Amino acid sequence: MTSGHSHLNRKFRQLTGMTPKAYRVD
């Protein structure tokens, strides 16, 4: 689960419009 992490991060950022720190609970 590290291949499309960057991709998801970018998508989430556009969808949520927030920083990766908001939904990054890794």
PDB file of N, CA and C in Angstrom:
ATOM      1  N   MET A   1       0.834  -1.205   0.000  1.00  0.00           N
ATOM      2  CA  MET A   1       0.000   0.000   0.000  1.00  0.00           C
ATOM      3  C   MET A   1       0.868   1.255   0.000  1.00  0.00           C
ATOM      4  N   THR A   2       1.908   1.189  -0.807  1.00  0.00           N
ATOM      5  CA  THR A   2       2.807   2.342  -0.877  1.00  0.00           C
ATOM      6  C   THR A   2       3.026   2.743  -2.334  1.00  0.00           C
ATOM      7  N   SER A   3       2.336   2.039  -3.214  1.00  0.00           N
ATOM      8  CA  SER A   3       2.508   2.302  -4.646  1.00  0.00           C
ATOM      9  C   SER A   3       1.675   3.521  -5.055  1.00  0.00           C
ATOM     10  N   GLY A   4       0.414   3.506  -4.693  1.00  0.00           N
ATOM     11  CA  GLY A   4      -0.453   4.613  -5.098  1.00  0.00           C
ATOM     12  C   GLY A   4      -0.778   5.529  -3.934  1.00  0.00           C
ATOM     13  N   HIS A   5       0.147   5.605  -2.993  1.00  0.00           N
ATOM     14  CA  HIS A   5      -0.081   6.465  -1.834  1.00  0.00           C
ATOM     15  C   HIS A   5      -0.068   7.934  -2.265  1.00  0.00           C
ATOM     16  N   SER A   6       0.899   8.261  -3.093  1.00  0.00           N
ATOM     17  CA  SER A   6       1.033   9.642  -3.566  1.00  0.00           C
ATOM     18  C   SER A   6      -0.198  10.024  -4.382  1.00  0.00           C
ATOM     19  N   HIS A   7      -0.664   9.070  -5.184  1.00  0.00           N
ATOM     20  CA  HIS A   7      -1.827   9.318  -6.039  1.00  0.00           C
ATOM     21  C   HIS A   7      -3.064   9.609  -5.188  1.00  0.00           C
ATOM     22  N   LEU A   8      -3.255   8.769  -4.180  1.00  0.00           N
ATOM     23  CA  LEU A   8      -4.419   8.936  -3.303  1.00  0.00           C
ATOM     24  C   LEU A   8      -4.317  10.241  -2.528  1.00  0.00           C
ATOM     25  N   ASN A   9      -3.101  10.519  -2.097  1.00  0.00           N
ATOM     26  CA  ASN A   9      -2.866  11.736  -1.326  1.00  0.00           C
ATOM     27  C   ASN A   9      -3.295  12.955  -2.127  1.00  0.00           C
ATOM     28  N   ARG A  10      -2.934  12.935  -3.406  1.00  0.00           N
ATOM     29  CA  ARG A  10      -3.249  14.076  -4.264  1.00  0.00           C
ATOM     30  C   ARG A  10      -4.761  14.168  -4.488  1.00  0.00           C
ATOM     31  N   LYS A  11      -5.369  13.011  -4.700  1.00  0.00           N
ATOM     32  CA  LYS A  11      -6.808  12.974  -4.958  1.00  0.00           C
ATOM     33  C   LYS A  11      -7.579  13.454  -3.722  1.00  0.00           C
ATOM     34  N   PHE A  12      -7.168  12.940  -2.583  1.00  0.00           N
ATOM     35  CA  PHE A  12      -7.839  13.318  -1.340  1.00  0.00           C
ATOM     36  C   PHE A  12      -7.698  14.810  -1.076  1.00  0.00           C
ATOM     37  N   ARG A  13      -6.526  15.311  -1.377  1.00  0.00           N
ATOM     38  CA  ARG A  13      -6.259  16.732  -1.135  1.00  0.00           C
ATOM     39  C   ARG A  13      -7.196  17.589  -1.988  1.00  0.00           C
ATOM     40  N   GLN A  14      -7.448  17.129  -3.204  1.00  0.00           N
ATOM     41  CA  GLN A  14      -8.327  17.891  -4.090  1.00  0.00           C
ATOM     42  C   GLN A  14      -9.780  17.754  -3.657  1.00  0.00           C
ATOM     43  N   LEU A  15     -10.115  16.551  -3.188  1.00  0.00           N
ATOM     44  CA  LEU A  15     -11.492  16.292  -2.772  1.00  0.00           C
ATOM     45  C   LEU A  15     -11.808  16.982  -1.453  1.00  0.00           C
ATOM     46  N   THR A  16     -10.927  16.780  -0.505  1.00  0.00           N
ATOM     47  CA  THR A  16     -11.143  17.369   0.812  1.00  0.00           C
ATOM     48  C   THR A  16     -10.643  18.807   0.860  1.00  0.00           C
ATOM     49  N   GLY A  17      -9.591  19.067   0.096  1.00  0.00           N
ATOM     50  CA  GLY A  17      -9.049  20.421   0.066  1.00  0.00           C
ATOM     51  C   GLY A  17      -8.304  20.730   1.355  1.00  0.00           C
ATOM     52  N   MET A  18      -7.936  19.669   2.070  1.00  0.00           N
ATOM     53  CA  MET A  18      -7.206  19.873   3.321  1.00  0.00           C
ATOM     54  C   MET A  18      -5.813  19.264   3.206  1.00  0.00           C
ATOM     55  N   THR A  19      -5.029  19.474   4.225  1.00  0.00           N
ATOM     56  CA  THR A  19      -3.669  18.935   4.216  1.00  0.00           C
ATOM     57  C   THR A  19      -3.693  17.441   4.537  1.00  0.00           C
ATOM     58  N   PRO A  20      -2.677  16.726   4.085  1.00  0.00           N
ATOM     59  CA  PRO A  20      -2.572  15.288   4.325  1.00  0.00           C
ATOM     60  C   PRO A  20      -2.483  14.942   5.810  1.00  0.00           C
ATOM     61  N   LYS A  21      -2.320  15.962   6.622  1.00  0.00           N
ATOM     62  CA  LYS A  21      -2.215  15.736   8.060  1.00  0.00           C
ATOM     63  C   LYS A  21      -3.605  15.498   8.664  1.00  0.00           C
ATOM     64  N   ALA A  22      -4.615  15.892   7.923  1.00  0.00           N
ATOM     65  CA  ALA A  22      -5.986  15.776   8.424  1.00  0.00           C
ATOM     66  C   ALA A  22      -6.474  14.325   8.331  1.00  0.00           C
ATOM     67  N   TYR A  23      -6.182  13.694   7.220  1.00  0.00           N
ATOM     68  CA  TYR A  23      -6.647  12.313   7.033  1.00  0.00           C
ATOM     69  C   TYR A  23      -5.473  11.340   7.017  1.00  0.00           C
ATOM     70  N   ARG A  24      -4.308  11.795   7.444  1.00  0.00           N
ATOM     71  CA  ARG A  24      -3.131  10.898   7.468  1.00  0.00           C
ATOM     72  C   ARG A  24      -2.959  10.347   8.881  1.00  0.00           C
ATOM     73  N   VAL A  25      -3.531   9.180   9.124  1.00  0.00           N
ATOM     74  CA  VAL A  25      -3.424   8.595  10.466  1.00  0.00           C
ATOM     75  C   VAL A  25      -2.522   7.377  10.444  1.00  0.00           C
ATOM     76  N   ASP A  26      -1.574   7.385   9.542  1.00  0.00           N
ATOM     77  CA  ASP A  26      -0.677   6.231   9.430  1.00  0.00           C
ATOM     78  C   ASP A  26       0.296   6.232  10.592  1.00  0.00           C
TER      79      ASP A  26
END
